Amino acid sequence: MYRELEAYDSFMTICMPPEVKEFVEKTLSLNLSGVPFSGEGPDFKLESVNKNVQHFLPPVPGPKDWQIACSNYDDLHMLKRMSQDDMGMPQQEGHGRTPPNIELQARAFRVKLREKEYLSNPCEKVDHVSLSGKALDKEAVRFCELAKEKRSQYIDAFCAHYTGVVKTGSVRFKTNIVCITQEEREMLNDINRKTVSEITDVIQQKLTLVCDEDVRGELSEDFQRNVLNKKGKKARKEDYLSFNEILDELLEAQRTVDNLPSDESQE
C-alpha cells in the first residue's frame, strides 16, 4: 500500500507546475513543537490537535459541540493555560515528550555493536544473524542495492501504466519484498500463502523446467483444461495447489535422474 502511495506522489510531483511543486515541498511536513526531527505530515498533526480539542467537549458531544470547540480552540487553549498558571499548575510543552538525543542514541548503538563484536570479520561469516541472534536472509547484505532497484522498477512500471506507455489489466503491480530474515524468505516462498494468480505464475514457470517436451505439452494442456478452464465450476485454490504438488514431484524425479551417473541413468 505504501509503495503505491509513494508512486502516486512521485507521479503527481512530476506532473505539477513549478509553483505548485514549490508550495507542496514547503508544506509537506509541519513542526509545531519546536523539537528537532519531529516534522510530520499535516494529518498526523491534526490528530494531535484533535486530541486536545476533545478536552473541551462534553461526555457525549454533538455536531454543535464540535463546531464550537474547533472554532474557539485557540482561545480555549489560551484560557486553559492562563488558568493553570494562576493555580500554579506546571505546563507540559510538546505533550510531555522528551526531545530525542540523536548523538546519544548513535553512541549507544555503536557500543552495542562492539559488545556483540558484530562487525568483526563480517566477510568470513557465511550465516549472518541479527543483534538478537535471528537468522538473516543471505540477500540482506545487498539490501540497499535491491531496495533501490525494486523501488525504481515499481515506479517506472507505475508511471508507464498511467501515462499510457504500457497498458496493463490492473494497476496492482508485483511488489516482491526485500527479505531481511530467513523467516520472511520462507513466508514469501510458501506456496500456501500465495494468491491463485501468484500460484498460476509459479506453475507456469515450473512447466518451463520440464525437460521432456511431450510431458511438458501434456501437463500444460492438462493445466489449461482441468484447472484454468475447468468445466462446470470455477477451480478452487486447492486445485492449483494439487497441480503444483504434481509438478514438484515430477521435477524432483527429474533432478534425481540428472544426478545419477551416466551408466545408471541409461539403465
C-alpha atoms as a PDB file:
ATOM      1  CA  MET A   1       0.000   0.000   0.000  1.00  0.00           C
ATOM      2  CA  TYR A   2       2.730   2.460   0.980  1.00  0.00           C
ATOM      3  CA  ARG A   3       4.676   1.715  -2.188  1.00  0.00           C
ATOM      4  CA  GLU A   4       1.602   2.522  -4.265  1.00  0.00           C
ATOM      5  CA  LEU A   5       1.066   5.778  -2.322  1.00  0.00           C
ATOM      6  CA  GLU A   6       4.690   6.746  -2.924  1.00  0.00           C
ATOM      7  CA  ALA A   7       4.265   6.020  -6.628  1.00  0.00           C
ATOM      8  CA  TYR A   8       1.148   8.216  -6.748  1.00  0.00           C
ATOM      9  CA  ASP A   9       3.034  11.023  -5.001  1.00  0.00           C
ATOM     10  CA  SER A  10       6.040  10.674  -7.319  1.00  0.00           C
ATOM     11  CA  PHE A  11       3.811  10.686 -10.398  1.00  0.00           C
ATOM     12  CA  MET A  12       1.856  13.736  -9.192  1.00  0.00           C
ATOM     13  CA  THR A  13       5.093  15.578  -8.348  1.00  0.00           C
ATOM     14  CA  ILE A  14       6.381  15.047 -11.881  1.00  0.00           C
ATOM     15  CA  CYS A  15       3.149  16.483 -13.331  1.00  0.00           C
ATOM     16  CA  MET A  16       2.974  19.520 -11.001  1.00  0.00           C
ATOM     17  CA  PRO A  17       3.571  23.059 -12.291  1.00  0.00           C
ATOM     18  CA  PRO A  18       6.728  24.576 -10.713  1.00  0.00           C
ATOM     19  CA  GLU A  19       4.802  26.952  -8.419  1.00  0.00           C
ATOM     20  CA  VAL A  20       2.575  24.123  -7.106  1.00  0.00           C
ATOM     21  CA  LYS A  21       5.592  21.865  -6.577  1.00  0.00           C
ATOM     22  CA  GLU A  22       7.356  24.600  -4.581  1.00  0.00           C
ATOM     23  CA  PHE A  23       4.284  25.084  -2.350  1.00  0.00           C
ATOM     24  CA  VAL A  24       3.928  21.321  -1.730  1.00  0.00           C
ATOM     25  CA  GLU A  25       7.597  20.951  -0.788  1.00  0.00           C
ATOM     26  CA  LYS A  26       7.308  23.795   1.739  1.00  0.00           C
ATOM     27  CA  THR A  27       4.159  22.396   3.372  1.00  0.00           C
ATOM     28  CA  LEU A  28       4.945  18.681   3.107  1.00  0.00           C
ATOM     29  CA  SER A  29       5.691  18.404   6.842  1.00  0.00           C
ATOM     30  CA  LEU A  30       4.984  20.545   9.891  1.00  0.00           C
ATOM     31  CA  ASN A  31       6.788  21.063  13.181  1.00  0.00           C
ATOM     32  CA  LEU A  32       4.567  22.558  15.887  1.00  0.00           C
ATOM     33  CA  SER A  33       6.555  21.543  18.970  1.00  0.00           C
ATOM     34  CA  GLY A  34       9.948  23.012  18.052  1.00  0.00           C
ATOM     35  CA  VAL A  35      11.602  19.641  18.776  1.00  0.00           C
ATOM     36  CA  PRO A  36      14.190  18.783  16.062  1.00  0.00           C
ATOM     37  CA  PHE A  37      13.436  15.820  13.789  1.00  0.00           C
ATOM     38  CA  SER A  38       9.727  15.864  14.758  1.00  0.00           C
ATOM     39  CA  GLY A  39       8.354  17.122  11.452  1.00  0.00           C
ATOM     40  CA  GLU A  40       5.278  15.126  10.406  1.00  0.00           C
ATOM     41  CA  GLY A  41       2.543  15.278   7.817  1.00  0.00           C
ATOM     42  CA  PRO A  42      -0.489  17.545   8.396  1.00  0.00           C
ATOM     43  CA  ASP A  43      -2.736  14.514   9.020  1.00  0.00           C
ATOM     44  CA  PHE A  44      -0.627  13.405  11.998  1.00  0.00           C
ATOM     45  CA  LYS A  45      -0.551  16.933  13.390  1.00  0.00           C
ATOM     46  CA  LEU A  46      -4.330  17.186  13.039  1.00  0.00           C
ATOM     47  CA  GLU A  47      -4.672  14.010  15.111  1.00  0.00           C
ATOM     48  CA  SER A  48      -2.709  15.695  17.901  1.00  0.00           C
ATOM     49  CA  VAL A  49      -4.858  18.834  17.708  1.00  0.00           C
ATOM     50  CA  ASN A  50      -7.985  16.678  17.637  1.00  0.00           C
ATOM     51  CA  LYS A  51      -6.987  15.043  20.937  1.00  0.00           C
ATOM     52  CA  ASN A  52      -6.594  18.479  22.537  1.00  0.00           C
ATOM     53  CA  VAL A  53      -9.977  19.607  21.191  1.00  0.00           C
ATOM     54  CA  GLN A  54     -11.630  16.648  22.938  1.00  0.00           C
ATOM     55  CA  HIS A  55     -10.648  18.136  26.327  1.00  0.00           C
ATOM     56  CA  PHE A  56     -13.172  20.912  25.708  1.00  0.00           C
ATOM     57  CA  LEU A  57     -16.057  18.620  24.720  1.00  0.00           C
ATOM     58  CA  PRO A  58     -18.875  17.255  26.911  1.00  0.00           C
ATOM     59  CA  PRO A  59     -19.024  13.460  27.591  1.00  0.00           C
ATOM     60  CA  VAL A  60     -21.399  12.896  24.663  1.00  0.00           C
ATOM     61  CA  PRO A  61     -20.621  15.654  22.131  1.00  0.00           C
ATOM     62  CA  GLY A  62     -22.883  16.539  19.271  1.00  0.00           C
ATOM     63  CA  PRO A  63     -22.103  18.254  15.960  1.00  0.00           C
ATOM     64  CA  LYS A  64     -22.712  21.691  17.527  1.00  0.00           C
ATOM     65  CA  ASP A  65     -20.258  20.952  20.367  1.00  0.00           C
ATOM     66  CA  TRP A  66     -17.542  20.003  17.891  1.00  0.00           C
ATOM     67  CA  GLN A  67     -18.177  23.156  15.888  1.00  0.00           C
ATOM     68  CA  ILE A  68     -17.916  25.399  18.969  1.00  0.00           C
ATOM     69  CA  ALA A  69     -14.779  23.662  20.298  1.00  0.00           C
ATOM     70  CA  CYS A  70     -12.954  23.720  16.950  1.00  0.00           C
ATOM     71  CA  SER A  71     -13.938  27.333  16.173  1.00  0.00           C
ATOM     72  CA  ASN A  72     -12.735  28.569  19.568  1.00  0.00           C
ATOM     73  CA  TYR A  73      -9.847  26.139  20.093  1.00  0.00           C
ATOM     74  CA  ASP A  74      -7.069  28.778  20.240  1.00  0.00           C
ATOM     75  CA  ASP A  75      -8.988  30.933  22.749  1.00  0.00           C
ATOM     76  CA  LEU A  76      -9.976  27.926  24.870  1.00  0.00           C
ATOM     77  CA  HIS A  77      -6.397  26.620  24.855  1.00  0.00           C
ATOM     78  CA  MET A  78      -5.045  30.030  25.916  1.00  0.00           C
ATOM     79  CA  LEU A  79      -7.693  30.282  28.656  1.00  0.00           C
ATOM     80  CA  LYS A  80      -6.718  26.839  29.926  1.00  0.00           C
ATOM     81  CA  ARG A  81      -3.037  27.763  30.103  1.00  0.00           C
ATOM     82  CA  MET A  82      -3.763  31.061  31.869  1.00  0.00           C
ATOM     83  CA  SER A  83      -5.943  29.263  34.413  1.00  0.00           C
ATOM     84  CA  GLN A  84      -3.218  26.691  35.070  1.00  0.00           C
ATOM     85  CA  ASP A  85      -0.673  29.497  35.553  1.00  0.00           C
ATOM     86  CA  ASP A  86      -2.948  31.248  38.060  1.00  0.00           C
ATOM     87  CA  MET A  87      -3.347  27.987  40.001  1.00  0.00           C
ATOM     88  CA  GLY A  88       0.387  27.268  39.903  1.00  0.00           C
ATOM     89  CA  MET A  89      -0.016  24.121  37.802  1.00  0.00           C
ATOM     90  CA  PRO A  90       3.020  23.123  35.670  1.00  0.00           C
ATOM     91  CA  GLN A  91       2.765  23.429  31.903  1.00  0.00           C
ATOM     92  CA  GLN A  92       3.702  20.478  29.705  1.00  0.00           C
ATOM     93  CA  GLU A  93       5.031  21.624  26.370  1.00  0.00           C
ATOM     94  CA  GLY A  94       5.093  19.203  23.487  1.00  0.00           C
ATOM     95  CA  HIS A  95       2.653  16.851  25.288  1.00  0.00           C
ATOM     96  CA  GLY A  96       5.362  15.771  27.741  1.00  0.00           C
ATOM     97  CA  ARG A  97       7.596  14.337  25.038  1.00  0.00           C
ATOM     98  CA  THR A  98      11.308  14.194  25.846  1.00  0.00           C
ATOM     99  CA  PRO A  99      13.370  15.658  22.979  1.00  0.00           C
ATOM    100  CA  PRO A 100      15.423  12.862  21.390  1.00  0.00           C
ATOM    101  CA  ASN A 101      19.206  12.997  21.613  1.00  0.00           C
ATOM    102  CA  ILE A 102      20.351  11.578  18.272  1.00  0.00           C
ATOM    103  CA  GLU A 103      24.046  11.712  19.176  1.00  0.00           C
ATOM    104  CA  LEU A 104      23.464   9.775  22.408  1.00  0.00           C
ATOM    105  CA  GLN A 105      21.372   7.168  20.608  1.00  0.00           C
ATOM    106  CA  ALA A 106      24.026   6.690  17.902  1.00  0.00           C
ATOM    107  CA  ARG A 107      26.757   6.298  20.546  1.00  0.00           C
ATOM    108  CA  ALA A 108      24.693   3.692  22.421  1.00  0.00           C
ATOM    109  CA  PHE A 109      24.186   1.739  19.204  1.00  0.00           C
ATOM    110  CA  ARG A 110      27.937   1.725  18.482  1.00  0.00           C
ATOM    111  CA  VAL A 111      28.586   0.397  21.994  1.00  0.00           C
ATOM    112  CA  LYS A 112      26.101  -2.403  21.333  1.00  0.00           C
ATOM    113  CA  LEU A 113      27.888  -3.332  18.110  1.00  0.00           C
ATOM    114  CA  ARG A 114      31.256  -3.517  19.889  1.00  0.00           C
ATOM    115  CA  GLU A 115      29.854  -5.615  22.738  1.00  0.00           C
ATOM    116  CA  LYS A 116      28.469  -8.172  20.293  1.00  0.00           C
ATOM    117  CA  GLU A 117      31.594  -7.999  18.055  1.00  0.00           C
ATOM    118  CA  TYR A 118      29.009  -7.816  15.313  1.00  0.00           C
ATOM    119  CA  LEU A 119      31.268  -6.310  12.652  1.00  0.00           C
ATOM    120  CA  SER A 120      34.345  -8.427  13.410  1.00  0.00           C
ATOM    121  CA  ASN A 121      35.350 -10.101  10.127  1.00  0.00           C
ATOM    122  CA  PRO A 122      31.826  -9.984   8.620  1.00  0.00           C
ATOM    123  CA  CYS A 123      33.066 -11.296   5.269  1.00  0.00           C
ATOM    124  CA  GLU A 124      34.259 -14.532   6.880  1.00  0.00           C
ATOM    125  CA  LYS A 125      30.772 -15.347   8.161  1.00  0.00           C
ATOM    126  CA  VAL A 126      28.574 -17.478   5.941  1.00  0.00           C
ATOM    127  CA  ASP A 127      25.450 -17.325   8.112  1.00  0.00           C
ATOM    128  CA  HIS A 128      24.606 -13.796   9.211  1.00  0.00           C
ATOM    129  CA  VAL A 129      22.423 -13.114  12.243  1.00  0.00           C
ATOM    130  CA  SER A 130      20.888 -10.001  13.777  1.00  0.00           C
ATOM    131  CA  LEU A 131      21.999  -8.457  17.073  1.00  0.00           C
ATOM    132  CA  SER A 132      19.284 -10.515  18.772  1.00  0.00           C
ATOM    133  CA  GLY A 133      20.556 -13.724  17.125  1.00  0.00           C
ATOM    134  CA  LYS A 134      17.833 -14.014  14.478  1.00  0.00           C
ATOM    135  CA  ALA A 135      18.955 -15.682  11.221  1.00  0.00           C
ATOM    136  CA  LEU A 136      19.196 -13.172   8.357  1.00  0.00           C
ATOM    137  CA  ASP A 137      18.477 -13.794   4.703  1.00  0.00           C
ATOM    138  CA  LYS A 138      21.558 -14.151   2.501  1.00  0.00           C
ATOM    139  CA  GLU A 139      20.346 -11.334   0.241  1.00  0.00           C
ATOM    140  CA  ALA A 140      20.182  -8.929   3.210  1.00  0.00           C
ATOM    141  CA  VAL A 141      23.809  -7.922   2.559  1.00  0.00           C
ATOM    142  CA  ARG A 142      22.563  -6.391  -0.718  1.00  0.00           C
ATOM    143  CA  PHE A 143      19.584  -4.658   0.896  1.00  0.00           C
ATOM    144  CA  CYS A 144      20.361  -1.109  -0.267  1.00  0.00           C
ATOM    145  CA  GLU A 145      21.044  -2.241  -3.826  1.00  0.00           C
ATOM    146  CA  LEU A 146      17.957  -4.478  -4.058  1.00  0.00           C
ATOM    147  CA  ALA A 147      15.627  -1.962  -2.396  1.00  0.00           C
ATOM    148  CA  LYS A 148      16.706   0.817  -4.748  1.00  0.00           C
ATOM    149  CA  GLU A 149      16.367  -1.484  -7.768  1.00  0.00           C
ATOM    150  CA  LYS A 150      12.873  -2.750  -6.839  1.00  0.00           C
ATOM    151  CA  ARG A 151      11.667   0.743  -5.953  1.00  0.00           C
ATOM    152  CA  SER A 152      12.876   2.122  -9.286  1.00  0.00           C
ATOM    153  CA  GLN A 153      11.293  -0.765 -11.232  1.00  0.00           C
ATOM    154  CA  TYR A 154       7.952  -0.298  -9.485  1.00  0.00           C
ATOM    155  CA  ILE A 155       7.780   3.467 -10.024  1.00  0.00           C
ATOM    156  CA  ASP A 156       8.792   3.064 -13.690  1.00  0.00           C
ATOM    157  CA  ALA A 157       6.039   0.476 -14.234  1.00  0.00           C
ATOM    158  CA  PHE A 158       3.522   2.651 -12.399  1.00  0.00           C
ATOM    159  CA  CYS A 159       4.314   5.760 -14.459  1.00  0.00           C
ATOM    160  CA  ALA A 160       4.369   3.753 -17.711  1.00  0.00           C
ATOM    161  CA  HIS A 161       0.877   2.465 -16.946  1.00  0.00           C
ATOM    162  CA  TYR A 162      -0.674   5.846 -16.135  1.00  0.00           C
ATOM    163  CA  THR A 163       0.999   7.694 -18.992  1.00  0.00           C
ATOM    164  CA  GLY A 164      -0.322   5.127 -21.455  1.00  0.00           C
ATOM    165  CA  VAL A 165       3.124   3.855 -22.486  1.00  0.00           C
ATOM    166  CA  VAL A 166       2.150   0.399 -21.235  1.00  0.00           C
ATOM    167  CA  LYS A 167      -1.436  -0.658 -20.633  1.00  0.00           C
ATOM    168  CA  THR A 168      -1.973  -3.402 -18.080  1.00  0.00           C
ATOM    169  CA  GLY A 169      -5.202  -5.005 -16.971  1.00  0.00           C
ATOM    170  CA  SER A 170      -4.707  -3.832 -13.408  1.00  0.00           C
ATOM    171  CA  VAL A 171      -2.792  -1.177 -11.500  1.00  0.00           C
ATOM    172  CA  ARG A 172      -1.716  -3.800  -8.958  1.00  0.00           C
ATOM    173  CA  PHE A 173       1.884  -4.406  -9.917  1.00  0.00           C
ATOM    174  CA  LYS A 174       4.029  -7.123  -8.372  1.00  0.00           C
ATOM    175  CA  THR A 175       5.816  -5.830  -5.291  1.00  0.00           C
ATOM    176  CA  ASN A 176       8.271  -8.510  -4.190  1.00  0.00           C
ATOM    177  CA  ILE A 177       9.783  -7.533  -0.883  1.00  0.00           C
ATOM    178  CA  VAL A 178      13.452  -7.492   0.056  1.00  0.00           C
ATOM    179  CA  CYS A 179      13.676 -10.202   2.711  1.00  0.00           C
ATOM    180  CA  ILE A 180      15.647  -9.368   5.845  1.00  0.00           C
ATOM    181  CA  THR A 181      15.290 -12.613   7.803  1.00  0.00           C
ATOM    182  CA  GLN A 182      15.182 -16.243   6.741  1.00  0.00           C
ATOM    183  CA  GLU A 183      11.709 -16.420   8.266  1.00  0.00           C
ATOM    184  CA  GLU A 184      10.484 -13.726   5.863  1.00  0.00           C
ATOM    185  CA  ARG A 185      12.018 -15.656   2.949  1.00  0.00           C
ATOM    186  CA  GLU A 186      10.216 -18.847   3.996  1.00  0.00           C
ATOM    187  CA  MET A 187       6.923 -16.970   4.285  1.00  0.00           C
ATOM    188  CA  LEU A 188       7.462 -15.365   0.876  1.00  0.00           C
ATOM    189  CA  ASN A 189       8.160 -18.743  -0.767  1.00  0.00           C
ATOM    190  CA  ASP A 190       5.313 -20.572   0.996  1.00  0.00           C
ATOM    191  CA  ILE A 191       3.017 -21.596  -1.830  1.00  0.00           C
ATOM    192  CA  ASN A 192       0.041 -21.879   0.536  1.00  0.00           C
ATOM    193  CA  ARG A 193       0.219 -18.145   1.340  1.00  0.00           C
ATOM    194  CA  LYS A 194       0.128 -17.075  -2.312  1.00  0.00           C
ATOM    195  CA  THR A 195      -2.933 -15.980  -4.253  1.00  0.00           C
ATOM    196  CA  VAL A 196      -4.364 -18.008  -7.140  1.00  0.00           C
ATOM    197  CA  SER A 197      -2.801 -15.551  -9.600  1.00  0.00           C
ATOM    198  CA  GLU A 198       0.612 -15.932  -7.955  1.00  0.00           C
ATOM    199  CA  ILE A 199       0.310 -19.745  -7.859  1.00  0.00           C
ATOM    200  CA  THR A 200      -0.534 -19.697 -11.579  1.00  0.00           C
ATOM    201  CA  ASP A 201       2.681 -17.771 -12.285  1.00  0.00           C
ATOM    202  CA  VAL A 202       4.676 -20.296 -10.220  1.00  0.00           C
ATOM    203  CA  ILE A 203       3.136 -23.244 -12.077  1.00  0.00           C
ATOM    204  CA  GLN A 204       3.767 -21.737 -15.498  1.00  0.00           C
ATOM    205  CA  GLN A 205       7.377 -21.041 -14.525  1.00  0.00           C
ATOM    206  CA  LYS A 206       7.836 -24.648 -13.334  1.00  0.00           C
ATOM    207  CA  LEU A 207       6.331 -26.018 -16.559  1.00  0.00           C
ATOM    208  CA  THR A 208       9.209 -24.445 -18.482  1.00  0.00           C
ATOM    209  CA  LEU A 209      11.637 -26.514 -16.382  1.00  0.00           C
ATOM    210  CA  VAL A 210      10.217 -29.850 -17.572  1.00  0.00           C
ATOM    211  CA  CYS A 211      12.824 -31.247 -19.974  1.00  0.00           C
ATOM    212  CA  ASP A 212      10.666 -33.732 -21.886  1.00  0.00           C
ATOM    213  CA  GLU A 213       8.726 -31.733 -24.486  1.00  0.00           C
ATOM    214  CA  ASP A 214       5.916 -34.307 -24.748  1.00  0.00           C
ATOM    215  CA  VAL A 215       5.424 -34.417 -20.979  1.00  0.00           C
ATOM    216  CA  ARG A 216       5.587 -30.626 -20.792  1.00  0.00           C
ATOM    217  CA  GLY A 217       2.952 -30.332 -23.512  1.00  0.00           C
ATOM    218  CA  GLU A 218       0.625 -32.822 -21.797  1.00  0.00           C
ATOM    219  CA  LEU A 219       0.963 -31.089 -18.448  1.00  0.00           C
ATOM    220  CA  SER A 220       0.357 -27.658 -19.968  1.00  0.00           C
ATOM    221  CA  GLU A 221      -2.759 -28.920 -21.711  1.00  0.00           C
ATOM    222  CA  ASP A 222      -3.963 -30.624 -18.526  1.00  0.00           C
ATOM    223  CA  PHE A 223      -3.446 -27.415 -16.555  1.00  0.00           C
ATOM    224  CA  GLN A 224      -5.370 -25.376 -19.089  1.00  0.00           C
ATOM    225  CA  ARG A 225      -8.253 -27.868 -19.362  1.00  0.00           C
ATOM    226  CA  ASN A 226      -8.716 -29.050 -15.764  1.00  0.00           C
ATOM    227  CA  VAL A 227      -7.626 -26.030 -13.739  1.00  0.00           C
ATOM    228  CA  LEU A 228      -7.628 -22.729 -15.652  1.00  0.00           C
ATOM    229  CA  ASN A 229     -10.623 -23.564 -17.854  1.00  0.00           C
ATOM    230  CA  LYS A 230     -12.332 -26.113 -15.630  1.00  0.00           C
ATOM    231  CA  LYS A 231     -15.763 -27.023 -16.977  1.00  0.00           C
ATOM    232  CA  GLY A 232     -18.876 -26.758 -14.872  1.00  0.00           C
ATOM    233  CA  LYS A 233     -17.413 -24.774 -11.981  1.00  0.00           C
ATOM    234  CA  LYS A 234     -14.533 -22.490 -11.136  1.00  0.00           C
ATOM    235  CA  ALA A 235     -11.355 -24.169  -9.959  1.00  0.00           C
ATOM    236  CA  ARG A 236     -10.574 -23.787  -6.279  1.00  0.00           C
ATOM    237  CA  LYS A 237      -7.238 -22.799  -4.803  1.00  0.00           C
ATOM    238  CA  GLU A 238      -6.786 -26.427  -3.725  1.00  0.00           C
ATOM    239  CA  ASP A 239      -6.867 -27.472  -7.405  1.00  0.00           C
ATOM    240  CA  TYR A 240      -3.943 -25.166  -8.152  1.00  0.00           C
ATOM    241  CA  LEU A 241      -2.010 -26.429  -5.115  1.00  0.00           C
ATOM    242  CA  SER A 242      -2.629 -30.064  -6.090  1.00  0.00           C
ATOM    243  CA  PHE A 243      -1.318 -29.468  -9.602  1.00  0.00           C
ATOM    244  CA  ASN A 244       1.712 -27.696  -8.138  1.00  0.00           C
ATOM    245  CA  GLU A 245       2.455 -30.767  -5.973  1.00  0.00           C
ATOM    246  CA  ILE A 246       2.357 -32.985  -9.067  1.00  0.00           C
ATOM    247  CA  LEU A 247       4.839 -30.658 -10.768  1.00  0.00           C
ATOM    248  CA  ASP A 248       7.132 -30.670  -7.723  1.00  0.00           C
ATOM    249  CA  GLU A 249       7.206 -34.474  -7.650  1.00  0.00           C
ATOM    250  CA  LEU A 250       7.975 -34.610 -11.371  1.00  0.00           C
ATOM    251  CA  LEU A 251      10.762 -32.021 -11.136  1.00  0.00           C
ATOM    252  CA  GLU A 252      12.264 -33.804  -8.106  1.00  0.00           C
ATOM    253  CA  ALA A 253      12.322 -37.094 -10.049  1.00  0.00           C
ATOM    254  CA  GLN A 254      13.881 -35.247 -12.989  1.00  0.00           C
ATOM    255  CA  ARG A 255      16.650 -33.844 -10.748  1.00  0.00           C
ATOM    256  CA  THR A 256      17.281 -37.303  -9.298  1.00  0.00           C
ATOM    257  CA  VAL A 257      17.781 -38.766 -12.766  1.00  0.00           C
ATOM    258  CA  ASP A 258      20.059 -35.892 -13.765  1.00  0.00           C
ATOM    259  CA  ASN A 259      22.288 -36.546 -10.736  1.00  0.00           C
ATOM    260  CA  LEU A 260      22.717 -40.246 -11.478  1.00  0.00           C
ATOM    261  CA  PRO A 261      25.922 -41.481 -13.191  1.00  0.00           C
ATOM    262  CA  SER A 262      25.514 -41.822 -16.937  1.00  0.00           C
ATOM    263  CA  ASP A 263      25.538 -45.660 -16.934  1.00  0.00           C
ATOM    264  CA  GLU A 264      22.873 -45.874 -14.170  1.00  0.00           C
ATOM    265  CA  SER A 265      20.613 -43.337 -15.834  1.00  0.00           C
ATOM    266  CA  GLN A 266      20.720 -45.319 -19.080  1.00  0.00           C
ATOM    267  CA  GLU A 267      19.648 -48.491 -17.251  1.00  0.00           C
END
